[in-house]
PDB file of N, CA and C in Angstrom:
ATOM      1  N   MET A   1      25.672 182.879-174.774  1.00  0.00           N
ATOM      2  CA  MET A   1      25.327 181.683-174.038  1.00  0.00           C
ATOM      3  C   MET A   1      24.092 181.055-174.676  1.00  0.00           C
ATOM      4  N   TYR A   2      24.084 179.729-174.749  1.00  0.00           N
ATOM      5  CA  TYR A   2      22.951 179.018-175.299  1.00  0.00           C
ATOM      6  C   TYR A   2      22.621 177.823-174.414  1.00  0.00           C
ATOM      7  N   ALA A   3      21.415 177.280-174.629  1.00  0.00           N
ATOM      8  CA  ALA A   3      20.959 176.124-173.856  1.00  0.00           C
ATOM      9  C   ALA A   3      20.195 175.189-174.770  1.00  0.00           C
ATOM     10  N   VAL A   4      20.163 173.923-174.393  1.00  0.00           N
ATOM     11  CA  VAL A   4      19.338 172.932-175.075  1.00  0.00           C
ATOM     12  C   VAL A   4      18.272 172.507-174.075  1.00  0.00           C
ATOM     13  N   LEU A   5      17.003 172.746-174.423  1.00  0.00           N
ATOM     14  CA  LEU A   5      15.914 172.424-173.511  1.00  0.00           C
ATOM     15  C   LEU A   5      14.943 171.458-174.176  1.00  0.00           C
ATOM     16  N   VAL A   6      14.105 170.824-173.348  1.00  0.00           N
ATOM     17  CA  VAL A   6      13.120 169.858-173.829  1.00  0.00           C
ATOM     18  C   VAL A   6      11.727 170.371-173.483  1.00  0.00           C
ATOM     19  N   THR A   7      10.860 170.419-174.493  1.00  0.00           N
ATOM     20  CA  THR A   7       9.453 170.728-174.268  1.00  0.00           C
ATOM     21  C   THR A   7       8.642 170.098-175.391  1.00  0.00           C
ATOM     22  N   GLY A   8       7.535 169.511-175.043  1.00  0.00           N
ATOM     23  CA  GLY A   8       6.676 168.881-176.032  1.00  0.00           C
ATOM     24  C   GLY A   8       7.309 167.681-176.712  1.00  0.00           C
ATOM     25  N   GLY A   9       8.252 167.023-176.042  1.00  0.00           N
ATOM     26  CA  GLY A   9       8.899 165.861-176.620  1.00  0.00           C
ATOM     27  C   GLY A   9       9.968 166.195-177.642  1.00  0.00           C
ATOM     28  N   LYS A  10      10.331 167.465-177.774  1.00  0.00           N
ATOM     29  CA  LYS A  10      11.344 167.882-178.735  1.00  0.00           C
ATOM     30  C   LYS A  10      12.432 168.677-178.030  1.00  0.00           C
ATOM     31  N   GLN A  11      13.611 168.704-178.626  1.00  0.00           N
ATOM     32  CA  GLN A  11      14.737 169.441-178.069  1.00  0.00           C
ATOM     33  C   GLN A  11      14.996 170.679-178.924  1.00  0.00           C
ATOM     34  N   TYR A  12      15.267 171.800-178.254  1.00  0.00           N
ATOM     35  CA  TYR A  12      15.499 173.068-178.938  1.00  0.00           C
ATOM     36  C   TYR A  12      16.795 173.693-178.422  1.00  0.00           C
ATOM     37  N   ARG A  13      17.608 174.199-179.343  1.00  0.00           N
ATOM     38  CA  ARG A  13      18.808 174.961-178.979  1.00  0.00           C
ATOM     39  C   ARG A  13      18.393 176.427-179.007  1.00  0.00           C
ATOM     40  N   VAL A  14      18.475 177.109-177.855  1.00  0.00           N
ATOM     41  CA  VAL A  14      17.972 178.474-177.735  1.00  0.00           C
ATOM     42  C   VAL A  14      19.047 179.402-177.183  1.00  0.00           C
ATOM     43  N   ALA A  15      18.906 180.668-177.518  1.00  0.00           N
ATOM     44  CA  ALA A  15      19.758 181.726-176.985  1.00  0.00           C
ATOM     45  C   ALA A  15      18.845 182.859-176.535  1.00  0.00           C
ATOM     46  N   GLN A  16      19.368 183.750-175.726  1.00  0.00           N
ATOM     47  CA  GLN A  16      18.555 184.840-175.199  1.00  0.00           C
ATOM     48  C   GLN A  16      18.121 185.765-176.332  1.00  0.00           C
ATOM     49  N   GLY A  17      16.846 186.180-176.290  1.00  0.00           N
ATOM     50  CA  GLY A  17      16.293 187.059-177.299  1.00  0.00           C
ATOM     51  C   GLY A  17      15.731 186.336-178.508  1.00  0.00           C
ATOM     52  N   GLU A  18      15.857 185.037-178.561  1.00  0.00           N
ATOM     53  CA  GLU A  18      15.402 184.252-179.699  1.00  0.00           C
ATOM     54  C   GLU A  18      13.906 183.972-179.592  1.00  0.00           C
ATOM     55  N   ARG A  19      13.222 183.966-180.744  1.00  0.00           N
ATOM     56  CA  ARG A  19      11.800 183.615-180.798  1.00  0.00           C
ATOM     57  C   ARG A  19      11.663 182.259-181.466  1.00  0.00           C
ATOM     58  N   LEU A  20      10.779 181.418-180.932  1.00  0.00           N
ATOM     59  CA  LEU A  20      10.546 180.126-181.552  1.00  0.00           C
ATOM     60  C   LEU A  20       9.138 179.636-181.267  1.00  0.00           C
ATOM     61  N   ARG A  21       8.717 178.668-182.074  1.00  0.00           N
ATOM     62  CA  ARG A  21       7.398 178.059-181.930  1.00  0.00           C
ATOM     63  C   ARG A  21       7.574 176.661-181.375  1.00  0.00           C
ATOM     64  N   VAL A  22       6.899 176.395-180.249  1.00  0.00           N
ATOM     65  CA  VAL A  22       6.966 175.088-179.601  1.00  0.00           C
ATOM     66  C   VAL A  22       5.565 174.496-179.580  1.00  0.00           C
ATOM     67  N   GLU A  23       5.469 173.225-179.182  1.00  0.00           N
ATOM     68  CA  GLU A  23       4.162 172.586-179.048  1.00  0.00           C
ATOM     69  C   GLU A  23       3.307 173.389-178.066  1.00  0.00           C
ATOM     70  N   LYS A  24       1.993 173.343-178.229  1.00  0.00           N
ATOM     71  CA  LYS A  24       1.079 174.171-177.444  1.00  0.00           C
ATOM     72  C   LYS A  24       1.271 173.972-175.945  1.00  0.00           C
ATOM     73  N   LEU A  25       1.402 175.092-175.229  1.00  0.00           N
ATOM     74  CA  LEU A  25       1.562 175.108-173.775  1.00  0.00           C
ATOM     75  C   LEU A  25       0.325 175.739-173.148  1.00  0.00           C
ATOM     76  N   ASP A  26       0.005 175.311-171.936  1.00  0.00           N
ATOM     77  CA  ASP A  26      -1.120 175.895-171.208  1.00  0.00           C
ATOM     78  C   ASP A  26      -0.650 177.126-170.453  1.00  0.00           C
ATOM     79  N   ALA A  27      -0.521 178.229-171.161  1.00  0.00           N
ATOM     80  CA  ALA A  27      -0.094 179.493-170.557  1.00  0.00           C
ATOM     81  C   ALA A  27      -0.773 180.633-171.307  1.00  0.00           C
ATOM     82  N   GLU A  28      -1.099 181.680-170.593  1.00  0.00           N
ATOM     83  CA  GLU A  28      -1.745 182.844-171.195  1.00  0.00           C
ATOM     84  C   GLU A  28      -0.713 183.680-171.951  1.00  0.00           C
ATOM     85  N   ALA A  29      -1.162 184.375-172.974  1.00  0.00           N
ATOM     86  CA  ALA A  29      -0.279 185.269-173.723  1.00  0.00           C
ATOM     87  C   ALA A  29       0.186 186.398-172.802  1.00  0.00           C
ATOM     88  N   GLY A  30       1.472 186.691-172.801  1.00  0.00           N
ATOM     89  CA  GLY A  30       2.040 187.726-171.950  1.00  0.00           C
ATOM     90  C   GLY A  30       2.604 187.211-170.641  1.00  0.00           C
ATOM     91  N   SER A  31       2.383 185.941-170.319  1.00  0.00           N
ATOM     92  CA  SER A  31       2.878 185.399-169.056  1.00  0.00           C
ATOM     93  C   SER A  31       4.301 184.869-169.210  1.00  0.00           C
ATOM     94  N   GLU A  32       4.964 184.661-168.076  1.00  0.00           N
ATOM     95  CA  GLU A  32       6.326 184.121-168.043  1.00  0.00           C
ATOM     96  C   GLU A  32       6.253 182.629-167.714  1.00  0.00           C
ATOM     97  N   ILE A  33       7.054 181.827-168.407  1.00  0.00           N
ATOM     98  CA  ILE A  33       7.136 180.404-168.111  1.00  0.00           C
ATOM     99  C   ILE A  33       8.599 180.022-167.910  1.00  0.00           C
ATOM    100  N   THR A  34       8.806 178.938-167.167  1.00  0.00           N
ATOM    101  CA  THR A  34      10.156 178.464-166.871  1.00  0.00           C
ATOM    102  C   THR A  34      10.287 177.022-167.323  1.00  0.00           C
ATOM    103  N   PHE A  35      11.361 176.740-168.042  1.00  0.00           N
ATOM    104  CA  PHE A  35      11.679 175.384-168.475  1.00  0.00           C
ATOM    105  C   PHE A  35      12.798 174.864-167.582  1.00  0.00           C
ATOM    106  N   ASP A  36      12.517 173.783-166.830  1.00  0.00           N
ATOM    107  CA  ASP A  36      13.503 173.227-165.910  1.00  0.00           C
ATOM    108  C   ASP A  36      14.292 172.068-166.508  1.00  0.00           C
ATOM    109  N   THR A  37      13.810 171.504-167.599  1.00  0.00           N
ATOM    110  CA  THR A  37      14.503 170.368-168.210  1.00  0.00           C
ATOM    111  C   THR A  37      15.524 170.877-169.228  1.00  0.00           C
ATOM    112  N   VAL A  38      16.678 171.259-168.717  1.00  0.00           N
ATOM    113  CA  VAL A  38      17.781 171.757-169.544  1.00  0.00           C
ATOM    114  C   VAL A  38      18.792 170.628-169.681  1.00  0.00           C
ATOM    115  N   LEU A  39      19.152 170.283-170.911  1.00  0.00           N
ATOM    116  CA  LEU A  39      20.077 169.180-171.165  1.00  0.00           C
ATOM    117  C   LEU A  39      21.523 169.639-171.262  1.00  0.00           C
ATOM    118  N   MET A  40      21.747 170.881-171.726  1.00  0.00           N
ATOM    119  CA  MET A  40      23.105 171.359-171.934  1.00  0.00           C
ATOM    120  C   MET A  40      23.141 172.876-171.891  1.00  0.00           C
ATOM    121  N   LEU A  41      24.202 173.417-171.335  1.00  0.00           N
ATOM    122  CA  LEU A  41      24.468 174.850-171.366  1.00  0.00           C
ATOM    123  C   LEU A  41      25.814 175.052-172.047  1.00  0.00           C
ATOM    124  N   GLY A  42      25.893 176.042-172.885  1.00  0.00           N
ATOM    125  CA  GLY A  42      27.150 176.303-173.575  1.00  0.00           C
ATOM    126  C   GLY A  42      27.425 177.783-173.659  1.00  0.00           C
ATOM    127  N   ASP A  43      28.709 178.119-173.632  1.00  0.00           N
ATOM    128  CA  ASP A  43      29.141 179.494-173.860  1.00  0.00           C
ATOM    129  C   ASP A  43      30.446 179.441-174.646  1.00  0.00           C
ATOM    130  N   GLY A  44      31.136 180.551-174.745  1.00  0.00           N
ATOM    131  CA  GLY A  44      32.321 180.624-175.583  1.00  0.00           C
ATOM    132  C   GLY A  44      33.450 179.693-175.202  1.00  0.00           C
ATOM    133  N   ASP A  45      33.577 179.329-173.924  1.00  0.00           N
ATOM    134  CA  ASP A  45      34.746 178.548-173.502  1.00  0.00           C
ATOM    135  C   ASP A  45      34.437 177.100-173.140  1.00  0.00           C
ATOM    136  N   GLY A  46      33.198 176.655-173.259  1.00  0.00           N
ATOM    137  CA  GLY A  46      32.918 175.253-172.964  1.00  0.00           C
ATOM    138  C   GLY A  46      31.443 174.986-172.798  1.00  0.00           C
ATOM    139  N   ILE A  47      31.150 173.735-172.414  1.00  0.00           N
ATOM    140  CA  ILE A  47      29.763 173.329-172.208  1.00  0.00           C
ATOM    141  C   ILE A  47      29.622 172.659-170.845  1.00  0.00           C
ATOM    142  N   LYS A  48      28.380 172.628-170.368  1.00  0.00           N
ATOM    143  CA  LYS A  48      28.049 171.935-169.119  1.00  0.00           C
ATOM    144  C   LYS A  48      26.946 170.932-169.416  1.00  0.00           C
ATOM    145  N   VAL A  49      27.129 169.700-168.936  1.00  0.00           N
ATOM    146  CA  VAL A  49      26.117 168.655-169.079  1.00  0.00           C
ATOM    147  C   VAL A  49      26.042 167.862-167.782  1.00  0.00           C
ATOM    148  N   GLY A  50      24.978 167.085-167.623  1.00  0.00           N
ATOM    149  CA  GLY A  50      24.867 166.168-166.491  1.00  0.00           C
ATOM    150  C   GLY A  50      24.661 166.861-165.157  1.00  0.00           C
ATOM    151  N   ASP A  51      25.450 166.440-164.138  1.00  0.00           N
ATOM    152  CA  ASP A  51      25.280 166.958-162.778  1.00  0.00           C
ATOM    153  C   ASP A  51      25.627 168.434-162.653  1.00  0.00           C
ATOM    154  N   ALA A  52      26.373 168.982-163.582  1.00  0.00           N
ATOM    155  CA  ALA A  52      26.727 170.400-163.534  1.00  0.00           C
ATOM    156  C   ALA A  52      25.521 171.299-163.814  1.00  0.00           C
ATOM    157  N   LEU A  53      24.400 170.728-164.215  1.00  0.00           N
ATOM    158  CA  LEU A  53      23.210 171.509-164.570  1.00  0.00           C
ATOM    159  C   LEU A  53      22.170 171.585-163.467  1.00  0.00           C
ATOM    160  N   LYS A  54      22.484 171.165-162.258  1.00  0.00           N
ATOM    161  CA  LYS A  54      21.507 171.235-161.161  1.00  0.00           C
ATOM    162  C   LYS A  54      21.098 172.692-160.949  1.00  0.00           C
ATOM    163  N   GLY A  55      19.801 172.941-161.013  1.00  0.00           N
ATOM    164  CA  GLY A  55      19.283 174.293-160.805  1.00  0.00           C
ATOM    165  C   GLY A  55      19.262 175.149-162.057  1.00  0.00           C
ATOM    166  N   ALA A  56      19.652 174.617-163.187  1.00  0.00           N
ATOM    167  CA  ALA A  56      19.636 175.382-164.433  1.00  0.00           C
ATOM    168  C   ALA A  56      18.202 175.501-164.943  1.00  0.00           C
ATOM    169  N   SER A  57      17.877 176.648-165.521  1.00  0.00           N
ATOM    170  CA  SER A  57      16.542 176.854-166.068  1.00  0.00           C
ATOM    171  C   SER A  57      16.584 177.900-167.171  1.00  0.00           C
ATOM    172  N   VAL A  58      15.544 177.894-167.977  1.00  0.00           N
ATOM    173  CA  VAL A  58      15.386 178.862-169.063  1.00  0.00           C
ATOM    174  C   VAL A  58      14.029 179.521-168.871  1.00  0.00           C
ATOM    175  N   THR A  59      13.994 180.854-168.870  1.00  0.00           N
ATOM    176  CA  THR A  59      12.732 181.576-168.736  1.00  0.00           C
ATOM    177  C   THR A  59      12.353 182.163-170.093  1.00  0.00           C
ATOM    178  N   ALA A  60      11.049 182.209-170.338  1.00  0.00           N
ATOM    179  CA  ALA A  60      10.554 182.709-171.618  1.00  0.00           C
ATOM    180  C   ALA A  60       9.236 183.442-171.404  1.00  0.00           C
ATOM    181  N   LYS A  61       8.939 184.327-172.337  1.00  0.00           N
ATOM    182  CA  LYS A  61       7.683 185.070-172.320  1.00  0.00           C
ATOM    183  C   LYS A  61       6.807 184.525-173.443  1.00  0.00           C
ATOM    184  N   VAL A  62       5.538 184.249-173.133  1.00  0.00           N
ATOM    185  CA  VAL A  62       4.598 183.732-174.128  1.00  0.00           C
ATOM    186  C   VAL A  62       4.088 184.897-174.964  1.00  0.00           C
ATOM    187  N   LEU A  63       4.316 184.832-176.277  1.00  0.00           N
ATOM    188  CA  LEU A  63       3.876 185.896-177.176  1.00  0.00           C
ATOM    189  C   LEU A  63       2.472 185.643-177.707  1.00  0.00           C
ATOM    190  N   GLY A  64       2.117 184.389-177.907  1.00  0.00           N
ATOM    191  CA  GLY A  64       0.782 184.085-178.412  1.00  0.00           C
ATOM    192  C   GLY A  64       0.658 182.630-178.821  1.00  0.00           C
ATOM    193  N   HIS A  65      -0.545 182.283-179.254  1.00  0.00           N
ATOM    194  CA  HIS A  65      -0.845 180.926-179.697  1.00  0.00           C
ATOM    195  C   HIS A  65      -1.325 180.987-181.138  1.00  0.00           C
ATOM    196  N   GLY A  66      -1.229 179.878-181.828  1.00  0.00           N
ATOM    197  CA  GLY A  66      -1.700 179.838-183.210  1.00  0.00           C
ATOM    198  C   GLY A  66      -1.729 178.429-183.753  1.00  0.00           C
ATOM    199  N   ARG A  67      -1.980 178.349-185.059  1.00  0.00           N
ATOM    200  CA  ARG A  67      -1.999 177.065-185.751  1.00  0.00           C
ATOM    201  C   ARG A  67      -1.089 177.170-186.970  1.00  0.00           C
ATOM    202  N   ALA A  68      -0.324 176.127-187.205  1.00  0.00           N
ATOM    203  CA  ALA A  68       0.619 176.114-188.312  1.00  0.00           C
ATOM    204  C   ALA A  68      -0.113 175.945-189.637  1.00  0.00           C
ATOM    205  N   ASP A  69       0.633 176.030-190.739  1.00  0.00           N
ATOM    206  CA  ASP A  69       0.059 175.818-192.062  1.00  0.00           C
ATOM    207  C   ASP A  69      -0.454 174.389-192.199  1.00  0.00           C
ATOM    208  N   LYS A  70      -1.397 174.215-193.089  1.00  0.00           N
ATOM    209  CA  LYS A  70      -2.007 172.905-193.277  1.00  0.00           C
ATOM    210  C   LYS A  70      -1.045 171.959-193.984  1.00  0.00           C
ATOM    211  N   VAL A  71      -0.966 170.749-193.451  1.00  0.00           N
ATOM    212  CA  VAL A  71      -0.213 169.667-194.078  1.00  0.00           C
ATOM    213  C   VAL A  71      -1.231 168.751-194.737  1.00  0.00           C
ATOM    214  N   LYS A  72      -1.060 168.503-196.032  1.00  0.00           N
ATOM    215  CA  LYS A  72      -1.999 167.656-196.761  1.00  0.00           C
ATOM    216  C   LYS A  72      -1.479 166.227-196.803  1.00  0.00           C
ATOM    217  N   ILE A  73      -2.364 165.291-196.472  1.00  0.00           N
ATOM    218  CA  ILE A  73      -2.034 163.878-196.466  1.00  0.00           C
ATOM    219  C   ILE A  73      -2.897 163.205-197.531  1.00  0.00           C
ATOM    220  N   ILE A  74      -2.272 162.491-198.456  1.00  0.00           N
ATOM    221  CA  ILE A  74      -3.005 161.787-199.498  1.00  0.00           C
ATOM    222  C   ILE A  74      -2.568 160.331-199.497  1.00  0.00           C
ATOM    223  N   LYS A  75      -3.549 159.438-199.355  1.00  0.00           N
ATOM    224  CA  LYS A  75      -3.288 158.004-199.444  1.00  0.00           C
ATOM    225  C   LYS A  75      -3.932 157.523-200.740  1.00  0.00           C
ATOM    226  N   PHE A  76      -3.128 156.935-201.595  1.00  0.00           N
ATOM    227  CA  PHE A  76      -3.583 156.568-202.928  1.00  0.00           C
ATOM    228  C   PHE A  76      -3.196 155.132-203.232  1.00  0.00           C
ATOM    229  N   ARG A  77      -4.174 154.354-203.675  1.00  0.00           N
ATOM    230  CA  ARG A  77      -3.911 152.974-204.078  1.00  0.00           C
ATOM    231  C   ARG A  77      -4.108 152.885-205.585  1.00  0.00           C
ATOM    232  N   ARG A  78      -3.063 152.601-206.289  1.00  0.00           N
ATOM    233  CA  ARG A  78      -3.170 152.556-207.745  1.00  0.00           C
ATOM    234  C   ARG A  78      -3.990 151.353-208.195  1.00  0.00           C
ATOM    235  N   ARG A  79      -4.710 151.558-209.278  1.00  0.00           N
ATOM    236  CA  ARG A  79      -5.549 150.530-209.920  1.00  0.00           C
ATOM    237  C   ARG A  79      -6.679 150.020-209.018  1.00  0.00           C
ATOM    238  N   LYS A  80      -6.962 150.644-207.897  1.00  0.00           N
ATOM    239  CA  LYS A  80      -7.999 150.162-206.977  1.00  0.00           C
ATOM    240  C   LYS A  80      -9.171 151.144-206.837  1.00  0.00           C
ATOM    241  N   HIS A  81      -9.114 152.274-207.513  1.00  0.00           N
ATOM    242  CA  HIS A  81     -10.128 153.322-207.381  1.00  0.00           C
ATOM    243  C   HIS A  81     -10.296 153.762-205.933  1.00  0.00           C
ATOM    244  N   HIS A  82      -9.182 153.980-205.266  1.00  0.00           N
ATOM    245  CA  HIS A  82      -9.237 154.400-203.863  1.00  0.00           C
ATOM    246  C   HIS A  82      -8.244 155.537-203.634  1.00  0.00           C
ATOM    247  N   MET A  83      -8.755 156.636-203.116  1.00  0.00           N
ATOM    248  CA  MET A  83      -7.897 157.754-202.730  1.00  0.00           C
ATOM    249  C   MET A  83      -8.520 158.427-201.508  1.00  0.00           C
ATOM    250  N   LYS A  84      -7.716 158.689-200.497  1.00  0.00           N
ATOM    251  CA  LYS A  84      -8.190 159.318-199.270  1.00  0.00           C
ATOM    252  C   LYS A  84      -7.383 160.582-199.047  1.00  0.00           C
ATOM    253  N   ARG A  85      -8.054 161.686-198.802  1.00  0.00           N
ATOM    254  CA  ARG A  85      -7.390 162.964-198.537  1.00  0.00           C
ATOM    255  C   ARG A  85      -7.674 163.376-197.103  1.00  0.00           C
ATOM    256  N   GLN A  86      -6.663 163.976-196.495  1.00  0.00           N
ATOM    257  CA  GLN A  86      -6.816 164.429-195.119  1.00  0.00           C
ATOM    258  C   GLN A  86      -5.891 165.619-194.919  1.00  0.00           C
ATOM    259  N   GLY A  87      -6.240 166.498-193.995  1.00  0.00           N
ATOM    260  CA  GLY A  87      -5.402 167.645-193.673  1.00  0.00           C
ATOM    261  C   GLY A  87      -5.209 167.752-192.177  1.00  0.00           C
ATOM    262  N   HIS A  88      -4.132 168.462-191.776  1.00  0.00           N
ATOM    263  CA  HIS A  88      -3.835 168.618-190.354  1.00  0.00           C
ATOM    264  C   HIS A  88      -3.181 169.964-190.125  1.00  0.00           C
ATOM    265  N   ARG A  89      -3.618 170.662-189.085  1.00  0.00           N
ATOM    266  CA  ARG A  89      -2.985 171.915-188.662  1.00  0.00           C
ATOM    267  C   ARG A  89      -2.593 171.767-187.201  1.00  0.00           C
ATOM    268  N   GLN A  90      -1.308 171.875-186.923  1.00  0.00           N
ATOM    269  CA  GLN A  90      -0.784 171.683-185.570  1.00  0.00           C
ATOM    270  C   GLN A  90      -0.869 172.985-184.774  1.00  0.00           C
ATOM    271  N   HIS A  91      -1.308 172.901-183.525  1.00  0.00           N
ATOM    272  CA  HIS A  91      -1.335 174.058-182.629  1.00  0.00           C
ATOM    273  C   HIS A  91       0.070 174.334-182.108  1.00  0.00           C
ATOM    274  N   TYR A  92       0.404 175.606-181.924  1.00  0.00           N
ATOM    275  CA  TYR A  92       1.720 175.965-181.392  1.00  0.00           C
ATOM    276  C   TYR A  92       1.603 177.152-180.441  1.00  0.00           C
ATOM    277  N   THR A  93       2.655 177.349-179.666  1.00  0.00           N
ATOM    278  CA  THR A  93       2.803 178.512-178.799  1.00  0.00           C
ATOM    279  C   THR A  93       4.087 179.212-179.201  1.00  0.00           C
ATOM    280  N   GLU A  94       4.011 180.504-179.450  1.00  0.00           N
ATOM    281  CA  GLU A  94       5.201 181.273-179.806  1.00  0.00           C
ATOM    282  C   GLU A  94       5.774 181.908-178.544  1.00  0.00           C
ATOM    283  N   ILE A  95       7.066 181.685-178.307  1.00  0.00           N
ATOM    284  CA  ILE A  95       7.714 182.186-177.100  1.00  0.00           C
ATOM    285  C   ILE A  95       8.969 182.978-177.475  1.00  0.00           C
ATOM    286  N   GLU A  96       9.384 183.840-176.554  1.00  0.00           N
ATOM    287  CA  GLU A  96      10.639 184.574-176.690  1.00  0.00           C
ATOM    288  C   GLU A  96      11.479 184.299-175.446  1.00  0.00           C
ATOM    289  N   ILE A  97      12.709 183.861-175.636  1.00  0.00           N
ATOM    290  CA  ILE A  97      13.591 183.511-174.529  1.00  0.00           C
ATOM    291  C   ILE A  97      14.083 184.797-173.862  1.00  0.00           C
ATOM    292  N   THR A  98      13.834 184.915-172.552  1.00  0.00           N
ATOM    293  CA  THR A  98      14.211 186.134-171.837  1.00  0.00           C
ATOM    294  C   THR A  98      15.445 185.936-170.949  1.00  0.00           C
ATOM    295  N   GLY A  99      15.739 184.690-170.557  1.00  0.00           N
ATOM    296  CA  GLY A  99      16.903 184.487-169.710  1.00  0.00           C
ATOM    297  C   GLY A  99      17.299 183.030-169.607  1.00  0.00           C
ATOM    298  N   ILE A 100      18.625 182.823-169.433  1.00  0.00           N
ATOM    299  CA  ILE A 100      19.160 181.488-169.238  1.00  0.00           C
ATOM    300  C   ILE A 100      19.959 181.527-167.932  1.00  0.00           C
ATOM    301  N   LYS A 101      19.546 180.687-166.963  1.00  0.00           N
ATOM    302  CA  LYS A 101      20.214 180.655-165.656  1.00  0.00           C
ATOM    303  C   LYS A 101      20.897 179.322-165.492  1.00  0.00           C
ATOM    304  N   GLY A 102      22.155 179.348-165.153  1.00  0.00           N
ATOM    305  CA  GLY A 102      22.861 178.088-164.999  1.00  0.00           C
ATOM    306  C   GLY A 102      24.043 178.292-164.140  1.00  0.00           C
TER     307      GLY A 102
END
C-alpha cells in the first residue's frame, strides 16, 4: 500500500517503512507526527482519490534534523567585470513512515 501526501508545499509518494527527507518540521527527534493531507491511496487492486479519502492519514516517526549539501549559485555578467557568488544549505527533517490509514 502506498500514499501520496503533501508537506512543505511538495508531494511525496510513500510506503510503509520508507525513509525520506522533507522540508523542516517543528517536531522533536523521536516523536510521532501525522500527515492529514493525503491526496491518493493505492494498493494492488486500485486507487482511492477525492471523497473516498475522508479520515485518511499517514503517521511517521521523526529520525532527526539536518542540512542538505551546499548549492552554489554564481551570477556572471560577461565583459562587465561582475561576478557574484552565493551558497545555500536547505534545512530538512528525516522521517520514517510507520503507518498508512485509509
